[in-house]
Amino acid sequence: MIDGRKVAVVLPAYNAAKTLEQTFAEIPTDIVDDVILVDDASTDLTVRVAERLGIHTVIHARNAGYGANQKTCYSAALSRGADIVVMLHPDYQYSPRLLTAMAGMIASGHYDAVMASRILGGGALTGGMPRYKYIANRFLTAVQNLLMGAKLSEYHTGYRAWSRDVLTRLPLAACSDDFVFDNEMVAQAMWAGFKVGEISCPTKYFPEASSINFRRSCIYGLGVLRTALVYRLCRWKLWASPLYAKDAAPLSFPSSSVPSMTIAEPIGRARAA
């Protein structure tokens, strides 16, 4: 806990058996109260490793996508009483040791959300980020900042912390079940007026670290640009999107804790009326 607030770490996992234990070993147990892994129907031994490590595990009965995985992550964390939820990729690309600082920024009351940026500090390329990904990251971020009226150093990190208030108020079910979920969630947080902070984070690229291929990267990039453009059009009242609908419902979650390991259907994207 930090200042009496329960801290949970959620690990959206798909074929993370090779890196899960290393990631888990560096999670600071002095402040983290709960660790939850959601397995999106992995074909490797991710679930078996999580079980051996004693991690609370939710297993998707079918592969549903990165966004759907996160929806289940946040729903499970809320159901288990988390006040601060940190989403960390279990591929050991990001440093779990920054959890204390990220959770502390939210516990301070200064921020509602915190993004661990690979760009701040200039360590992305030295950490092995492919140059084409770095250039795409900088371009997309510049366009997003322009259209969304923000000044973030990047929108594409897989390491984020959220307050319970954010997670219970944002209509996350309306977000994509795919990779663009991350950007839609940040857009929703900005739309709602939540305060988003950043912290510099080193990164590591190696064969076992998860990464989407070039084709999926292009699809993701187009989705990011569309998210930013729709955000601006909605601000100008020229467009209506379910992402920002006044009557959009937040994620539902059980009122009591689920078992230490369970198989669940993914929480899908809400359909527009």
C-alpha atoms as a PDB file:
ATOM      1  CA  MET A   1       0.000   0.000   0.000  1.00  0.00           C
ATOM      2  CA  ILE A   2       0.896   3.656  -0.425  1.00  0.00           C
ATOM      3  CA  ASP A   3      -0.786   6.132   1.930  1.00  0.00           C
ATOM      4  CA  GLY A   4      -3.428   3.534   2.732  1.00  0.00           C
ATOM      5  CA  ARG A   5      -4.250   2.913  -0.932  1.00  0.00           C
ATOM      6  CA  LYS A   6      -4.148  -0.660  -2.232  1.00  0.00           C
ATOM      7  CA  VAL A   7      -1.819  -1.115  -5.211  1.00  0.00           C
ATOM      8  CA  ALA A   8      -2.441  -3.799  -7.833  1.00  0.00           C
ATOM      9  CA  VAL A   9      -0.275  -4.741 -10.803  1.00  0.00           C
ATOM     10  CA  VAL A  10      -2.010  -6.203 -13.850  1.00  0.00           C
ATOM     11  CA  LEU A  11      -0.113  -8.222 -16.459  1.00  0.00           C
ATOM     12  CA  PRO A  12      -1.867  -8.596 -19.847  1.00  0.00           C
ATOM     13  CA  ALA A  13      -0.185 -11.735 -21.126  1.00  0.00           C
ATOM     14  CA  TYR A  14       0.071 -13.661 -24.370  1.00  0.00           C
ATOM     15  CA  ASN A  15       2.859 -16.221 -24.723  1.00  0.00           C
ATOM     16  CA  ALA A  16       4.928 -14.612 -21.953  1.00  0.00           C
ATOM     17  CA  ALA A  17       6.318 -17.803 -20.392  1.00  0.00           C
ATOM     18  CA  LYS A  18       9.967 -16.924 -21.146  1.00  0.00           C
ATOM     19  CA  THR A  19       9.909 -13.487 -19.495  1.00  0.00           C
ATOM     20  CA  LEU A  20       7.154 -13.652 -16.876  1.00  0.00           C
ATOM     21  CA  GLU A  21       9.283 -14.893 -13.985  1.00  0.00           C
ATOM     22  CA  GLN A  22      11.970 -12.256 -14.549  1.00  0.00           C
ATOM     23  CA  THR A  23       9.329  -9.513 -14.670  1.00  0.00           C
ATOM     24  CA  PHE A  24       7.548 -10.799 -11.569  1.00  0.00           C
ATOM     25  CA  ALA A  25      10.795 -11.053  -9.575  1.00  0.00           C
ATOM     26  CA  GLU A  26      11.383  -7.294  -9.844  1.00  0.00           C
ATOM     27  CA  ILE A  27       7.901  -6.180  -8.769  1.00  0.00           C
ATOM     28  CA  PRO A  28       8.372  -4.322  -5.448  1.00  0.00           C
ATOM     29  CA  THR A  29       6.475  -6.404  -2.894  1.00  0.00           C
ATOM     30  CA  ASP A  30       6.808  -3.723  -0.212  1.00  0.00           C
ATOM     31  CA  ILE A  31       4.144  -1.569  -1.870  1.00  0.00           C
ATOM     32  CA  VAL A  32       2.298  -3.954  -4.228  1.00  0.00           C
ATOM     33  CA  ASP A  33      -0.663  -5.721  -2.617  1.00  0.00           C
ATOM     34  CA  ASP A  34      -1.941  -7.742  -5.558  1.00  0.00           C
ATOM     35  CA  VAL A  35      -0.606  -9.092  -8.858  1.00  0.00           C
ATOM     36  CA  ILE A  36      -3.079 -10.231 -11.512  1.00  0.00           C
ATOM     37  CA  LEU A  37      -2.256 -11.903 -14.816  1.00  0.00           C
ATOM     38  CA  VAL A  38      -4.819 -12.208 -17.586  1.00  0.00           C
ATOM     39  CA  ASP A  39      -3.813 -14.823 -20.136  1.00  0.00           C
ATOM     40  CA  ASP A  40      -5.303 -14.287 -23.599  1.00  0.00           C
ATOM     41  CA  ALA A  41      -5.385 -17.960 -24.579  1.00  0.00           C
ATOM     42  CA  SER A  42      -1.608 -18.381 -24.812  1.00  0.00           C
ATOM     43  CA  THR A  43      -0.209 -21.371 -26.664  1.00  0.00           C
ATOM     44  CA  ASP A  44       2.890 -21.650 -24.442  1.00  0.00           C
ATOM     45  CA  LEU A  45       3.331 -22.307 -20.696  1.00  0.00           C
ATOM     46  CA  THR A  46       2.401 -18.827 -19.476  1.00  0.00           C
ATOM     47  CA  VAL A  47      -0.408 -20.077 -17.238  1.00  0.00           C
ATOM     48  CA  ARG A  48       1.726 -22.834 -15.754  1.00  0.00           C
ATOM     49  CA  VAL A  49       4.504 -20.363 -14.898  1.00  0.00           C
ATOM     50  CA  ALA A  50       1.984 -17.945 -13.357  1.00  0.00           C
ATOM     51  CA  GLU A  51       0.510 -20.757 -11.264  1.00  0.00           C
ATOM     52  CA  ARG A  52       3.963 -21.791 -10.010  1.00  0.00           C
ATOM     53  CA  LEU A  53       4.707 -18.185  -9.030  1.00  0.00           C
ATOM     54  CA  GLY A  54       1.425 -17.904  -7.145  1.00  0.00           C
ATOM     55  CA  ILE A  55       0.039 -15.109  -9.342  1.00  0.00           C
ATOM     56  CA  HIS A  56      -3.714 -14.595  -9.369  1.00  0.00           C
ATOM     57  CA  THR A  57      -4.579 -15.668 -12.918  1.00  0.00           C
ATOM     58  CA  VAL A  58      -7.592 -15.160 -15.160  1.00  0.00           C
ATOM     59  CA  ILE A  59      -7.619 -17.206 -18.365  1.00  0.00           C
ATOM     60  CA  HIS A  60      -9.492 -16.084 -21.457  1.00  0.00           C
ATOM     61  CA  ALA A  61     -11.333 -19.020 -22.939  1.00  0.00           C
ATOM     62  CA  ARG A  62     -10.503 -17.660 -26.394  1.00  0.00           C
ATOM     63  CA  ASN A  63      -8.019 -15.155 -27.781  1.00  0.00           C
ATOM     64  CA  ALA A  64      -9.765 -11.786 -27.818  1.00  0.00           C
ATOM     65  CA  GLY A  65      -7.033  -9.215 -28.361  1.00  0.00           C
ATOM     66  CA  TYR A  66      -4.840  -6.856 -26.386  1.00  0.00           C
ATOM     67  CA  GLY A  67      -7.594  -4.376 -25.612  1.00  0.00           C
ATOM     68  CA  ALA A  68      -9.999  -7.045 -24.395  1.00  0.00           C
ATOM     69  CA  ASN A  69      -7.195  -8.411 -22.212  1.00  0.00           C
ATOM     70  CA  GLN A  70      -6.771  -5.032 -20.519  1.00  0.00           C
ATOM     71  CA  LYS A  71     -10.507  -4.715 -19.938  1.00  0.00           C
ATOM     72  CA  THR A  72     -10.431  -7.980 -18.027  1.00  0.00           C
ATOM     73  CA  CYS A  73      -7.288  -6.846 -16.179  1.00  0.00           C
ATOM     74  CA  TYR A  74      -8.912  -3.675 -14.895  1.00  0.00           C
ATOM     75  CA  SER A  75     -12.203  -5.371 -14.092  1.00  0.00           C
ATOM     76  CA  ALA A  76     -10.399  -8.020 -12.036  1.00  0.00           C
ATOM     77  CA  ALA A  77      -8.278  -5.429 -10.211  1.00  0.00           C
ATOM     78  CA  LEU A  78     -11.313  -3.346  -9.296  1.00  0.00           C
ATOM     79  CA  SER A  79     -13.194  -6.409  -8.102  1.00  0.00           C
ATOM     80  CA  ARG A  80     -10.302  -7.202  -5.758  1.00  0.00           C
ATOM     81  CA  GLY A  81     -10.355  -3.733  -4.201  1.00  0.00           C
ATOM     82  CA  ALA A  82      -7.476  -1.952  -5.936  1.00  0.00           C
ATOM     83  CA  ASP A  83      -7.165   1.814  -5.456  1.00  0.00           C
ATOM     84  CA  ILE A  84      -4.186   2.205  -7.813  1.00  0.00           C
ATOM     85  CA  VAL A  85      -3.720  -0.132 -10.790  1.00  0.00           C
ATOM     86  CA  VAL A  86      -0.447  -0.365 -12.707  1.00  0.00           C
ATOM     87  CA  MET A  87      -0.526  -2.076 -16.098  1.00  0.00           C
ATOM     88  CA  LEU A  88       2.846  -3.684 -16.888  1.00  0.00           C
ATOM     89  CA  HIS A  89       3.698  -5.846 -19.895  1.00  0.00           C
ATOM     90  CA  PRO A  90       5.151  -9.159 -18.663  1.00  0.00           C
ATOM     91  CA  ASP A  91       7.732  -9.264 -21.473  1.00  0.00           C
ATOM     92  CA  TYR A  92      10.423  -7.548 -19.348  1.00  0.00           C
ATOM     93  CA  GLN A  93      10.713  -4.650 -21.771  1.00  0.00           C
ATOM     94  CA  TYR A  94       9.990  -2.134 -18.976  1.00  0.00           C
ATOM     95  CA  SER A  95      11.505  -1.873 -15.499  1.00  0.00           C
ATOM     96  CA  PRO A  96       9.112  -3.075 -12.744  1.00  0.00           C
ATOM     97  CA  ARG A  97      11.262  -1.162 -10.244  1.00  0.00           C
ATOM     98  CA  LEU A  98       9.549   2.077 -11.317  1.00  0.00           C
ATOM     99  CA  LEU A  99       6.231   0.842  -9.907  1.00  0.00           C
ATOM    100  CA  THR A 100       6.813   2.596  -6.591  1.00  0.00           C
ATOM    101  CA  ALA A 101       7.394   5.966  -8.250  1.00  0.00           C
ATOM    102  CA  MET A 102       4.409   5.611 -10.579  1.00  0.00           C
ATOM    103  CA  ALA A 103       2.008   4.550  -7.833  1.00  0.00           C
ATOM    104  CA  GLY A 104       3.391   7.295  -5.612  1.00  0.00           C
ATOM    105  CA  MET A 105       2.616   9.959  -8.207  1.00  0.00           C
ATOM    106  CA  ILE A 106      -1.028   8.916  -8.144  1.00  0.00           C
ATOM    107  CA  ALA A 107      -1.158   8.514  -4.349  1.00  0.00           C
ATOM    108  CA  SER A 108       0.161  12.075  -4.040  1.00  0.00           C
ATOM    109  CA  GLY A 109      -3.072  13.358  -5.535  1.00  0.00           C
ATOM    110  CA  HIS A 110      -1.240  15.325  -8.214  1.00  0.00           C
ATOM    111  CA  TYR A 111      -2.038  12.860 -11.013  1.00  0.00           C
ATOM    112  CA  ASP A 112      -4.891  10.538 -11.955  1.00  0.00           C
ATOM    113  CA  ALA A 113      -2.790   8.563 -14.440  1.00  0.00           C
ATOM    114  CA  VAL A 114       0.933   8.099 -15.085  1.00  0.00           C
ATOM    115  CA  MET A 115       2.649   6.973 -18.284  1.00  0.00           C
ATOM    116  CA  ALA A 116       6.158   5.474 -18.260  1.00  0.00           C
ATOM    117  CA  SER A 117       7.798   7.109 -21.265  1.00  0.00           C
ATOM    118  CA  ARG A 118      10.566   5.477 -23.275  1.00  0.00           C
ATOM    119  CA  ILE A 119      11.223   8.819 -24.979  1.00  0.00           C
ATOM    120  CA  LEU A 120      11.909  10.987 -21.924  1.00  0.00           C
ATOM    121  CA  GLY A 121      15.589  10.694 -21.093  1.00  0.00           C
ATOM    122  CA  GLY A 122      16.499   9.660 -24.630  1.00  0.00           C
ATOM    123  CA  GLY A 123      16.976   5.962 -23.869  1.00  0.00           C
ATOM    124  CA  ALA A 124      14.700   4.438 -26.496  1.00  0.00           C
ATOM    125  CA  LEU A 125      17.293   3.925 -29.246  1.00  0.00           C
ATOM    126  CA  THR A 126      20.070   2.917 -26.849  1.00  0.00           C
ATOM    127  CA  GLY A 127      17.668   0.346 -25.387  1.00  0.00           C
ATOM    128  CA  GLY A 128      17.315  -1.228 -28.816  1.00  0.00           C
ATOM    129  CA  MET A 129      14.104   0.298 -30.153  1.00  0.00           C
ATOM    130  CA  PRO A 130      14.166  -0.171 -33.956  1.00  0.00           C
ATOM    131  CA  ARG A 131      14.765   3.166 -35.654  1.00  0.00           C
ATOM    132  CA  TYR A 132      11.617   2.924 -37.797  1.00  0.00           C
ATOM    133  CA  LYS A 133       9.547   2.418 -34.633  1.00  0.00           C
ATOM    134  CA  TYR A 134      11.224   5.383 -32.974  1.00  0.00           C
ATOM    135  CA  ILE A 135      10.509   7.635 -35.970  1.00  0.00           C
ATOM    136  CA  ALA A 136       6.894   6.412 -36.143  1.00  0.00           C
ATOM    137  CA  ASN A 137       6.511   6.968 -32.398  1.00  0.00           C
ATOM    138  CA  ARG A 138       7.741  10.556 -32.632  1.00  0.00           C
ATOM    139  CA  PHE A 139       5.577  11.325 -35.680  1.00  0.00           C
ATOM    140  CA  LEU A 140       2.407   9.838 -34.228  1.00  0.00           C
ATOM    141  CA  THR A 141       2.978  11.539 -30.876  1.00  0.00           C
ATOM    142  CA  ALA A 142       3.480  14.923 -32.542  1.00  0.00           C
ATOM    143  CA  VAL A 143       0.226  14.561 -34.481  1.00  0.00           C
ATOM    144  CA  GLN A 144      -1.634  13.373 -31.396  1.00  0.00           C
ATOM    145  CA  ASN A 145      -0.385  16.276 -29.291  1.00  0.00           C
ATOM    146  CA  LEU A 146      -1.439  18.722 -31.994  1.00  0.00           C
ATOM    147  CA  LEU A 147      -4.938  17.285 -32.406  1.00  0.00           C
ATOM    148  CA  MET A 148      -5.575  16.546 -28.743  1.00  0.00           C
ATOM    149  CA  GLY A 149      -4.048  19.700 -27.285  1.00  0.00           C
ATOM    150  CA  ALA A 150      -1.608  17.792 -25.046  1.00  0.00           C
ATOM    151  CA  LYS A 151       2.155  17.690 -24.475  1.00  0.00           C
ATOM    152  CA  LEU A 152       2.951  14.042 -23.783  1.00  0.00           C
ATOM    153  CA  SER A 153       6.322  12.649 -24.887  1.00  0.00           C
ATOM    154  CA  GLU A 154       4.649   9.431 -26.089  1.00  0.00           C
ATOM    155  CA  TYR A 155       1.262   7.691 -26.166  1.00  0.00           C
ATOM    156  CA  HIS A 156       2.467   4.189 -26.993  1.00  0.00           C
ATOM    157  CA  THR A 157       4.031   2.817 -23.829  1.00  0.00           C
ATOM    158  CA  GLY A 158       2.891  -0.483 -22.347  1.00  0.00           C
ATOM    159  CA  TYR A 159       3.494   0.703 -18.790  1.00  0.00           C
ATOM    160  CA  ARG A 160       0.743   2.820 -17.223  1.00  0.00           C
ATOM    161  CA  ALA A 161      -0.757   3.542 -13.812  1.00  0.00           C
ATOM    162  CA  TRP A 162      -4.372   4.520 -13.156  1.00  0.00           C
ATOM    163  CA  SER A 163      -6.373   5.614 -10.143  1.00  0.00           C
ATOM    164  CA  ARG A 164      -9.520   3.722  -9.243  1.00  0.00           C
ATOM    165  CA  ASP A 165     -11.542   6.842 -10.028  1.00  0.00           C
ATOM    166  CA  VAL A 166     -10.333   6.810 -13.638  1.00  0.00           C
ATOM    167  CA  LEU A 167     -11.082   3.120 -14.133  1.00  0.00           C
ATOM    168  CA  THR A 168     -14.575   3.313 -12.659  1.00  0.00           C
ATOM    169  CA  ARG A 169     -15.583   6.391 -14.658  1.00  0.00           C
ATOM    170  CA  LEU A 170     -14.176   5.848 -18.146  1.00  0.00           C
ATOM    171  CA  PRO A 171     -16.428   3.920 -20.588  1.00  0.00           C
ATOM    172  CA  LEU A 172     -13.681   1.426 -21.411  1.00  0.00           C
ATOM    173  CA  ALA A 173     -16.110  -1.124 -22.848  1.00  0.00           C
ATOM    174  CA  ALA A 174     -16.554   1.247 -25.808  1.00  0.00           C
ATOM    175  CA  CYS A 175     -12.829   1.031 -26.635  1.00  0.00           C
ATOM    176  CA  SER A 176     -11.302  -1.303 -29.191  1.00  0.00           C
ATOM    177  CA  ASP A 177     -10.373  -4.872 -28.301  1.00  0.00           C
ATOM    178  CA  ASP A 178      -7.168  -4.473 -30.340  1.00  0.00           C
ATOM    179  CA  PHE A 179      -3.919  -2.536 -29.825  1.00  0.00           C
ATOM    180  CA  VAL A 180      -5.449   0.919 -30.367  1.00  0.00           C
ATOM    181  CA  PHE A 181      -7.228   0.424 -27.022  1.00  0.00           C
ATOM    182  CA  ASP A 182      -4.276   2.113 -25.292  1.00  0.00           C
ATOM    183  CA  ASN A 183      -4.696   5.328 -27.266  1.00  0.00           C
ATOM    184  CA  GLU A 184      -8.465   5.377 -26.967  1.00  0.00           C
ATOM    185  CA  MET A 185      -8.172   5.021 -23.188  1.00  0.00           C
ATOM    186  CA  VAL A 186      -5.753   7.952 -22.947  1.00  0.00           C
ATOM    187  CA  ALA A 187      -8.071  10.005 -25.174  1.00  0.00           C
ATOM    188  CA  GLN A 188     -10.997   9.208 -22.873  1.00  0.00           C
ATOM    189  CA  ALA A 189      -8.964  10.228 -19.817  1.00  0.00           C
ATOM    190  CA  MET A 190      -8.086  13.558 -21.426  1.00  0.00           C
ATOM    191  CA  TRP A 191     -11.679  14.092 -22.532  1.00  0.00           C
ATOM    192  CA  ALA A 192     -12.837  13.585 -18.934  1.00  0.00           C
ATOM    193  CA  GLY A 193     -10.269  16.076 -17.641  1.00  0.00           C
ATOM    194  CA  PHE A 194      -8.085  13.661 -15.695  1.00  0.00           C
ATOM    195  CA  LYS A 195      -4.505  14.737 -14.993  1.00  0.00           C
ATOM    196  CA  VAL A 196      -1.954  12.597 -16.848  1.00  0.00           C
ATOM    197  CA  GLY A 197       1.703  12.638 -15.764  1.00  0.00           C
ATOM    198  CA  GLU A 198       4.826  10.985 -17.172  1.00  0.00           C
ATOM    199  CA  ILE A 199       7.983   9.388 -15.843  1.00  0.00           C
ATOM    200  CA  SER A 200      11.141   8.446 -17.732  1.00  0.00           C
ATOM    201  CA  CYS A 201      11.556   4.700 -18.209  1.00  0.00           C
ATOM    202  CA  PRO A 202      14.428   2.688 -19.732  1.00  0.00           C
ATOM    203  CA  THR A 203      13.442   0.076 -22.270  1.00  0.00           C
ATOM    204  CA  LYS A 204      14.897  -3.188 -23.536  1.00  0.00           C
ATOM    205  CA  TYR A 205      14.359  -4.829 -26.908  1.00  0.00           C
ATOM    206  CA  PHE A 206      15.324  -8.471 -27.323  1.00  0.00           C
ATOM    207  CA  PRO A 207      13.919 -11.513 -29.198  1.00  0.00           C
ATOM    208  CA  GLU A 208      11.641 -12.653 -26.336  1.00  0.00           C
ATOM    209  CA  ALA A 209      10.044  -9.202 -25.897  1.00  0.00           C
ATOM    210  CA  SER A 210       6.600  -8.990 -27.448  1.00  0.00           C
ATOM    211  CA  SER A 211       6.231  -6.853 -30.560  1.00  0.00           C
ATOM    212  CA  ILE A 212       3.734  -6.522 -33.378  1.00  0.00           C
ATOM    213  CA  ASN A 213       4.876  -7.041 -36.950  1.00  0.00           C
ATOM    214  CA  PHE A 214       5.197  -4.323 -39.572  1.00  0.00           C
ATOM    215  CA  ARG A 215       1.717  -4.897 -41.033  1.00  0.00           C
ATOM    216  CA  ARG A 216       0.049  -4.717 -37.619  1.00  0.00           C
ATOM    217  CA  SER A 217       2.172  -1.679 -36.802  1.00  0.00           C
ATOM    218  CA  CYS A 218       0.778   0.116 -39.856  1.00  0.00           C
ATOM    219  CA  ILE A 219      -2.792  -0.789 -38.885  1.00  0.00           C
ATOM    220  CA  TYR A 220      -2.083   0.435 -35.363  1.00  0.00           C
ATOM    221  CA  GLY A 221      -0.630   3.717 -36.654  1.00  0.00           C
ATOM    222  CA  LEU A 222      -3.721   4.402 -38.759  1.00  0.00           C
ATOM    223  CA  GLY A 223      -5.905   3.626 -35.763  1.00  0.00           C
ATOM    224  CA  VAL A 224      -3.908   6.076 -33.645  1.00  0.00           C
ATOM    225  CA  LEU A 225      -4.335   8.852 -36.206  1.00  0.00           C
ATOM    226  CA  ARG A 226      -8.048   8.134 -36.452  1.00  0.00           C
ATOM    227  CA  THR A 227      -8.409   8.264 -32.653  1.00  0.00           C
ATOM    228  CA  ALA A 228      -6.729  11.676 -32.484  1.00  0.00           C
ATOM    229  CA  LEU A 229      -8.752  13.048 -35.408  1.00  0.00           C
ATOM    230  CA  VAL A 230     -12.063  11.828 -33.976  1.00  0.00           C
ATOM    231  CA  TYR A 231     -11.115  13.361 -30.618  1.00  0.00           C
ATOM    232  CA  ARG A 232     -10.558  16.771 -32.264  1.00  0.00           C
ATOM    233  CA  LEU A 233     -13.774  16.568 -34.319  1.00  0.00           C
ATOM    234  CA  CYS A 234     -15.735  15.676 -31.196  1.00  0.00           C
ATOM    235  CA  ARG A 235     -14.190  18.631 -29.370  1.00  0.00           C
ATOM    236  CA  TRP A 236     -15.368  20.832 -32.217  1.00  0.00           C
ATOM    237  CA  LYS A 237     -18.819  19.145 -31.985  1.00  0.00           C
ATOM    238  CA  LEU A 238     -18.527  18.033 -35.599  1.00  0.00           C
ATOM    239  CA  TRP A 239     -18.600  14.324 -34.771  1.00  0.00           C
ATOM    240  CA  ALA A 240     -20.135  11.994 -32.213  1.00  0.00           C
ATOM    241  CA  SER A 241     -18.294   8.960 -30.885  1.00  0.00           C
ATOM    242  CA  PRO A 242     -19.351   6.279 -28.375  1.00  0.00           C
ATOM    243  CA  LEU A 243     -15.927   6.764 -26.768  1.00  0.00           C
ATOM    244  CA  TYR A 244     -17.137  10.075 -25.331  1.00  0.00           C
ATOM    245  CA  ALA A 245     -20.888   9.515 -25.091  1.00  0.00           C
ATOM    246  CA  LYS A 246     -22.408  11.032 -21.957  1.00  0.00           C
ATOM    247  CA  ASP A 247     -24.513   7.946 -21.271  1.00  0.00           C
ATOM    248  CA  ALA A 248     -21.710   5.432 -21.962  1.00  0.00           C
ATOM    249  CA  ALA A 249     -21.383   2.915 -19.151  1.00  0.00           C
ATOM    250  CA  PRO A 250     -18.041   2.101 -17.488  1.00  0.00           C
ATOM    251  CA  LEU A 251     -16.718  -1.439 -17.169  1.00  0.00           C
ATOM    252  CA  SER A 252     -18.802  -3.699 -14.970  1.00  0.00           C
ATOM    253  CA  PHE A 253     -16.993  -5.848 -12.435  1.00  0.00           C
ATOM    254  CA  PRO A 254     -18.002  -8.381  -9.766  1.00  0.00           C
ATOM    255  CA  SER A 255     -18.670  -7.086  -6.274  1.00  0.00           C
ATOM    256  CA  SER A 256     -16.586  -9.865  -4.722  1.00  0.00           C
ATOM    257  CA  SER A 257     -13.196 -11.367  -5.445  1.00  0.00           C
ATOM    258  CA  VAL A 258     -12.940 -14.117  -8.016  1.00  0.00           C
ATOM    259  CA  PRO A 259     -10.998 -17.347  -7.314  1.00  0.00           C
ATOM    260  CA  SER A 260      -7.207 -17.408  -7.530  1.00  0.00           C
ATOM    261  CA  MET A 261      -7.455 -18.933 -11.006  1.00  0.00           C
ATOM    262  CA  THR A 262     -10.490 -18.850 -13.239  1.00  0.00           C
ATOM    263  CA  ILE A 263     -11.437 -19.216 -16.889  1.00  0.00           C
ATOM    264  CA  ALA A 264     -13.492 -16.301 -18.147  1.00  0.00           C
ATOM    265  CA  GLU A 265     -15.022 -15.022 -21.321  1.00  0.00           C
ATOM    266  CA  PRO A 266     -13.316 -11.791 -22.434  1.00  0.00           C
ATOM    267  CA  ILE A 267     -15.076  -8.492 -21.854  1.00  0.00           C
ATOM    268  CA  GLY A 268     -15.888  -7.434 -25.403  1.00  0.00           C
ATOM    269  CA  ARG A 269     -16.306  -4.041 -26.974  1.00  0.00           C
ATOM    270  CA  ALA A 270     -19.673  -2.395 -26.379  1.00  0.00           C
ATOM    271  CA  ARG A 271     -21.735  -1.987 -29.519  1.00  0.00           C
ATOM    272  CA  ALA A 272     -23.019   1.415 -30.447  1.00  0.00           C
ATOM    273  CA  ALA A 273     -26.791   1.706 -30.478  1.00  0.00           C
END
